[in-house]
Protein backbone atom coordinates (compact mmCIF):
# COMPACT_ATOMS: atom_id res chain seq x y z
CA MET A 1 -38.09 54.82 -28.51
CA VAL A 2 -38.59 51.61 -30.07
CA LEU A 3 -35.06 51.00 -30.50
CA VAL A 4 -34.03 51.80 -27.05
CA ILE A 5 -37.15 49.32 -25.35
CA ALA A 6 -35.35 46.98 -27.82
CA VAL A 7 -32.12 47.27 -26.76
CA SER A 8 -32.80 47.47 -22.87
CA LEU A 9 -34.77 44.26 -22.86
CA ALA A 10 -32.31 42.90 -25.16
CA GLY A 11 -29.31 43.51 -22.40
CA ALA A 12 -31.92 42.62 -19.43
CA LEU A 13 -31.99 39.34 -21.38
CA PHE A 14 -28.64 39.05 -21.76
CA ILE A 15 -28.13 40.39 -18.09
CA ALA A 16 -30.65 37.30 -16.91
CA VAL A 17 -28.76 34.48 -19.01
CA GLY A 18 -25.27 35.74 -17.04
CA PHE A 19 -27.47 35.51 -13.33
CA VAL A 20 -28.31 31.86 -14.43
CA VAL A 21 -25.05 30.52 -15.92
CA GLN A 22 -23.49 32.11 -13.04
CA GLN A 23 -25.48 30.83 -10.45
CA HIS A 24 -25.55 27.08 -11.98
CA ALA A 25 -22.04 27.20 -11.93
CA ALA A 26 -21.88 28.39 -8.39
CA SER A 27 -24.24 25.91 -6.76
CA GLU A 28 -21.52 23.28 -8.05
CA GLU A 29 -19.10 24.20 -5.30
CA PRO A 30 -18.72 23.00 -2.08
CA ALA A 31 -20.35 24.76 0.87
CA ASN A 32 -17.31 25.55 2.56
CA GLU A 33 -15.58 28.05 0.05
CA ARG A 34 -18.70 30.27 0.51
CA LEU A 35 -17.15 33.68 1.27
CA SER A 36 -13.96 32.26 0.91
CA PRO A 37 -11.76 33.54 -1.93
CA ARG A 38 -11.01 30.20 -2.96
CA LEU A 39 -14.59 30.28 -5.00
CA LEU A 40 -13.73 32.86 -7.43
CA LEU A 41 -10.17 30.89 -8.10
CA HIS A 42 -12.19 27.88 -8.91
CA LEU A 43 -14.92 29.73 -10.68
CA VAL A 44 -12.48 32.13 -12.92
CA ARG A 45 -11.23 28.00 -14.03
CA ARG A 46 -14.76 27.26 -15.52
CA PRO A 47 -15.80 28.14 -19.14
CA ILE A 48 -19.13 27.86 -18.15
CA TRP A 49 -19.03 30.48 -15.44
CA LEU A 50 -16.68 32.41 -17.64
CA GLY A 51 -19.68 32.33 -19.84
CA GLY A 52 -22.00 33.93 -17.73
CA ILE A 53 -19.75 36.48 -16.70
CA ALA A 54 -19.51 37.49 -20.77
CA ALA A 55 -23.24 37.33 -21.35
CA MET A 56 -23.98 39.58 -18.05
CA ALA A 57 -20.91 42.05 -19.60
CA ALA A 58 -22.96 42.03 -22.97
CA GLY A 59 -26.08 42.96 -20.99
CA GLN A 60 -24.42 45.66 -19.21
CA VAL A 61 -22.71 47.41 -22.56
CA LEU A 62 -26.52 47.37 -24.34
CA GLY A 63 -27.45 49.20 -21.09
CA ALA A 64 -25.01 51.54 -21.43
CA VAL A 65 -26.04 52.03 -25.39
CA ALA A 66 -29.50 52.24 -24.44
CA LEU A 67 -28.81 54.59 -21.65
CA ALA A 68 -27.17 57.14 -24.24
CA LYS A 69 -29.94 57.21 -26.71
CA GLY A 70 -32.76 57.26 -23.88
CA ASP A 71 -34.17 58.45 -21.19
CA ILE A 72 -33.13 56.87 -17.18
CA ALA A 73 -36.81 56.63 -16.17
CA LEU A 74 -37.52 54.49 -19.34
CA VAL A 75 -34.22 52.33 -19.07
CA GLU A 76 -33.53 51.65 -15.77
CA PRO A 77 -36.91 49.79 -15.27
CA LEU A 78 -36.47 47.69 -18.43
CA MET A 79 -33.19 46.43 -17.40
CA ALA A 80 -34.61 45.41 -14.14
CA THR A 81 -37.25 42.79 -16.19
CA ASN A 82 -33.69 40.82 -15.98
CA LEU A 83 -35.57 39.11 -13.15
CA LEU A 84 -38.51 38.29 -14.98
CA PHE A 85 -36.57 36.59 -17.21
CA ALA A 86 -33.75 35.08 -14.73
CA LEU A 87 -36.21 33.42 -12.77
CA PRO A 88 -38.31 31.29 -15.07
CA LEU A 89 -35.01 30.30 -16.99
CA ALA A 90 -33.47 29.11 -13.47
CA ALA A 91 -36.88 27.60 -12.64
CA ARG A 92 -36.42 25.24 -16.11
CA TRP A 93 -32.98 24.92 -15.10
CA ARG A 94 -33.73 23.09 -12.28
CA HIS A 95 -36.50 21.28 -13.38
CA GLN A 96 -39.20 23.18 -11.26
CA ARG A 97 -42.53 25.60 -11.67
CA LEU A 98 -42.60 28.89 -10.67
CA ARG A 99 -45.96 29.77 -8.92
CA MET A 100 -48.27 32.82 -9.13
CA ARG A 101 -46.60 34.10 -5.66
CA GLU A 102 -42.91 34.10 -7.22
CA TRP A 103 -44.38 36.02 -10.53
CA LEU A 104 -46.35 38.37 -8.41
CA GLY A 105 -43.12 39.25 -6.53
CA ALA A 106 -40.64 39.24 -9.01
CA GLY A 107 -44.07 41.60 -10.91
CA ALA A 108 -44.12 44.07 -7.86
CA LEU A 109 -40.46 44.42 -7.44
CA VAL A 110 -40.49 45.72 -11.24
CA VAL A 111 -43.37 48.12 -11.48
CA GLY A 112 -42.10 49.31 -7.69
CA LEU A 113 -38.70 50.30 -8.91
CA ALA A 114 -40.23 51.78 -12.40
CA ALA A 115 -43.03 53.59 -10.39
CA PHE A 116 -40.21 54.89 -7.97
CA ILE A 117 -38.09 55.92 -11.15
CA ALA A 118 -40.37 57.61 -13.18
CA ALA A 119 -41.65 59.60 -10.18
CA GLY A 120 -38.39 60.95 -8.84
CA HIS A 121 -37.08 60.93 -11.92
CA PRO A 122 -33.14 61.65 -11.01
CA ALA A 123 -31.29 64.15 -12.67
CA GLY A 124 -28.79 66.79 -12.70
CA GLY A 125 -25.56 67.15 -10.50
CA SER A 126 -22.01 66.49 -11.38
CA THR A 127 -19.58 64.06 -11.14
CA ARG A 128 -16.46 66.34 -10.86
CA HIS A 129 -15.15 68.79 -8.38
CA LEU A 130 -16.78 66.91 -5.53
CA PRO A 131 -15.28 67.48 -1.89
CA TRP A 132 -13.69 64.33 -0.74
CA PRO A 133 -15.48 64.05 2.29
CA ASN A 134 -18.58 63.43 0.43
CA TRP A 135 -16.75 60.18 -1.16
CA VAL A 136 -15.88 59.06 1.93
CA ILE A 137 -18.42 59.88 4.01
CA SER A 138 -21.45 58.04 1.52
CA GLY A 139 -18.90 55.47 -0.31
CA GLY A 140 -17.96 54.45 3.39
CA LEU A 141 -21.44 54.15 4.56
CA ILE A 142 -22.45 51.63 1.76
CA VAL A 143 -19.47 49.67 2.71
CA LEU A 144 -20.16 49.54 5.77
CA VAL A 145 -23.49 48.46 5.11
CA ALA A 146 -22.35 45.72 2.98
CA VAL A 147 -20.14 44.51 5.47
CA ALA A 148 -23.11 44.25 8.15
CA LEU A 149 -25.28 42.87 5.87
CA VAL A 150 -22.24 40.19 5.59
CA SER A 151 -21.39 39.76 9.33
CA LEU A 152 -25.18 39.20 9.86
CA SER A 153 -25.21 36.50 7.09
CA ARG A 154 -22.74 34.11 8.99
CA ARG A 155 -24.37 30.91 10.64
CA ARG A 156 -28.15 31.38 8.68
CA PRO A 157 -29.62 29.10 6.97
CA ALA A 158 -28.23 28.76 3.66
CA ALA A 159 -31.56 30.43 1.98
CA ARG A 160 -31.05 33.80 4.62
CA GLN A 161 -27.56 33.65 3.73
CA ALA A 162 -28.26 34.00 -0.15
CA SER A 163 -30.48 37.14 0.66
CA LEU A 164 -28.32 38.91 2.98
CA LEU A 165 -24.83 38.44 0.85
CA ALA A 166 -27.21 39.40 -2.04
CA ALA A 167 -28.10 42.25 -0.35
CA ALA A 168 -24.65 43.25 0.39
CA ALA A 169 -23.61 42.42 -3.21
CA GLY A 170 -26.71 45.25 -4.82
CA CYS A 171 -25.25 47.80 -2.39
CA LEU A 172 -21.95 47.77 -4.01
CA TYR A 173 -23.16 47.04 -7.71
CA GLY A 174 -24.52 50.80 -6.51
CA LEU A 175 -21.38 52.00 -5.65
CA GLN A 176 -19.86 50.76 -8.57
CA ASP A 177 -22.26 52.36 -10.82
CA ALA A 178 -21.29 55.72 -9.37
CA LEU A 179 -17.87 55.14 -9.47
CA THR A 180 -18.14 54.11 -13.41
CA GLU A 181 -20.25 56.90 -13.91
CA ARG A 182 -17.14 59.18 -12.07
CA SER A 183 -14.77 56.67 -14.03
CA ALA A 184 -15.74 58.40 -17.18
CA ALA A 185 -15.61 61.63 -16.29
CA GLU A 186 -11.63 61.08 -16.34
CA LEU A 187 -12.07 60.64 -19.87
CA HIS A 188 -11.75 64.24 -20.69
CA ASN A 189 -8.31 64.21 -19.43
CA GLY A 190 -7.36 61.10 -21.84
CA LEU A 191 -7.34 57.32 -21.88
CA SER A 192 -4.05 57.12 -19.80
CA SER A 193 -4.75 59.79 -17.27
CA MET A 194 -8.06 57.83 -16.26
CA LEU A 195 -6.65 54.33 -15.79
CA ILE A 196 -4.09 55.67 -13.34
CA SER A 197 -6.84 57.96 -11.53
CA TRP A 198 -8.21 56.80 -7.82
CA PRO A 199 -11.53 56.65 -9.07
CA VAL A 200 -10.46 53.67 -11.46
CA PHE A 201 -9.05 51.60 -8.92
CA ALA A 202 -11.87 52.06 -6.38
CA LEU A 203 -14.03 51.08 -9.02
CA LEU A 204 -12.15 47.74 -9.66
CA LEU A 205 -11.84 46.68 -6.00
CA VAL A 206 -15.89 47.65 -5.29
CA ALA A 207 -16.61 45.56 -8.34
CA VAL A 208 -15.15 42.44 -7.79
CA SER A 209 -16.33 42.43 -4.01
CA GLY A 210 -19.50 42.91 -5.12
CA LEU A 211 -18.85 39.94 -7.42
CA PHE A 212 -17.55 37.32 -5.01
CA LEU A 213 -20.66 38.65 -2.52
CA ALA A 214 -23.08 37.92 -5.47
CA GLN A 215 -21.27 34.13 -6.46
CA SER A 216 -21.26 33.41 -2.69
CA ALA A 217 -24.92 34.10 -2.56
CA PHE A 218 -25.68 32.27 -5.62
CA GLU A 219 -23.58 29.17 -4.13
CA ALA A 220 -25.74 29.17 -1.30
CA ALA A 221 -28.84 29.18 -2.39
CA PRO A 222 -31.59 28.94 -5.55
CA LEU A 223 -31.44 32.07 -7.53
CA ALA A 224 -34.94 33.44 -6.15
CA ALA A 225 -33.30 34.06 -2.77
CA SER A 226 -30.71 36.64 -4.32
CA LEU A 227 -31.28 38.12 -7.90
CA PRO A 228 -34.76 40.56 -6.43
CA LEU A 229 -32.33 42.07 -3.75
CA VAL A 230 -29.65 42.49 -6.47
CA THR A 231 -32.09 43.95 -8.76
CA GLY A 232 -33.47 46.23 -6.22
CA LEU A 233 -31.08 47.48 -4.23
CA GLU A 234 -28.47 48.08 -7.11
CA PRO A 235 -30.22 51.23 -9.03
CA ILE A 236 -31.55 51.99 -5.34
CA THR A 237 -28.57 52.42 -3.99
CA GLY A 238 -26.86 54.51 -6.93
CA ILE A 239 -29.84 57.00 -7.04
CA CYS A 240 -29.03 57.36 -3.47
CA PHE A 241 -25.57 58.07 -3.77
CA GLY A 242 -26.33 60.44 -7.01
CA VAL A 243 -28.73 62.76 -4.64
CA GLY A 244 -26.19 62.16 -1.76
CA VAL A 245 -22.59 63.25 -3.56
CA TYR A 246 -23.37 64.03 -7.09
CA GLY A 247 -25.98 66.50 -6.17
CA GLU A 248 -28.95 64.50 -8.66
CA HIS A 249 -32.35 65.75 -7.58
CA LEU A 250 -35.32 63.86 -7.21
CA ASN A 251 -38.71 65.16 -7.64
CA LEU A 252 -39.84 65.57 -3.80
CA ALA A 253 -43.89 66.73 -4.76
CA PRO A 254 -46.27 65.68 -2.47
CA ALA A 255 -48.05 63.68 -5.16
CA LEU A 256 -44.87 62.06 -6.57
CA LEU A 257 -42.91 61.61 -3.06
CA ALA A 258 -46.20 59.29 -2.41
CA VAL A 259 -45.46 57.79 -5.85
CA GLU A 260 -42.00 57.10 -4.76
CA VAL A 261 -43.03 55.78 -1.56
CA ALA A 262 -45.18 53.39 -2.73
CA GLY A 263 -42.52 52.02 -5.16
CA VAL A 264 -40.27 51.25 -2.37
CA VAL A 265 -43.11 49.49 -0.37
CA ALA A 266 -44.30 47.72 -3.59
CA MET A 267 -40.50 46.36 -4.06
CA ALA A 268 -40.07 45.38 -0.90
CA TRP A 269 -43.00 43.30 -1.03
CA GLY A 270 -41.85 41.81 -4.15
CA VAL A 271 -38.79 40.50 -2.54
CA TYR A 272 -40.40 39.63 0.46
CA LEU A 273 -43.12 37.26 -2.02
CA VAL A 274 -39.83 36.04 -3.79
CA ALA A 275 -37.50 35.23 -1.32
CA ALA A 276 -40.05 33.44 1.49
CA SER A 277 -41.26 31.38 -1.08
CA PRO A 278 -41.51 27.51 -0.98
CA ILE A 279 -38.63 27.10 -3.66
CA ILE A 280 -36.30 29.24 -1.66
CA THR A 281 -37.39 27.96 2.14
CA GLY A 282 -38.78 24.88 1.47
CA ALA A 283 -37.35 21.25 0.39
CA ALA A 284 -36.59 22.73 -3.40
CA LEU A 285 -33.90 24.66 -1.50
CA LEU A 286 -31.62 21.91 -2.16
CA PRO A 287 -31.51 20.45 -5.83
CA SER A 288 -29.84 17.46 -5.18
CA THR A 289 -29.06 14.94 -2.78
CA ALA A 290 -26.07 15.24 -3.29
CA ARG A 291 -25.87 19.24 -2.20
CA ALA A 292 -27.92 18.30 0.81
CA GLY A 293 -24.85 15.64 1.97
CA ARG A 294 -22.49 18.66 0.76
CA GLU A 295 -23.87 21.16 3.29
CA ALA A 296 -24.68 19.20 5.75
CA ALA A 297 -20.32 18.01 5.62
């Protein structure tokens, strides 16, 4: 138990560092590259951004190790604490101070997620031998939601655009988690068979799309505008996909269902508190006069 907790928190810390570094690098890109393929093309040439990707990947690996040794109801909430690490790191980098509002919002999101997963305790199901309509309908619905969020983000203020793009990225990250699980199931046929299977190609497409949207959100506004939505929507989307496609089961006894609903409400409240904070909507939105001029251009 102690080892699982330690590995999970280490993974959360690495993911937090990865997000902070990525956002710092993306925020220095021109505003006209937001939602443009040029954004990723420029970022992949920057060692600092690649370092952020490496840190996030290390965190994901540690999370996978923790999940292999521990229960999802313990590991997922611990991994979500990356938000509690990332926000103060990002604020420190920008020479800002987090207020009680931001801490309360981040805490509410993490506690709400923990309550939802602990009460629902998703389990069971199978990633193999599923009818293709399940994949098309469920996966297609998630993609359509992401596309709708991206469409809504256009011509919005930078902070709101960042939040909507982050929500779209969180949805795709949840689908990415489900496709990762499905791709791993192909390993029983051998590595070569897995690498040429359709889930791997779908996984790569979704992963790159989610990364692109996340970097666009990071470019638009400080990390607090985007990370809470990514942190909350990724596991929720993954769980919904698992229930709808893999046949996983949630505990729906009246008392547990009430806790799950309360958890979702707490998460939504936490996201609102952080995303609507003065750090995001006020003068702190733009870290420098140079960036303000770039946005105006």
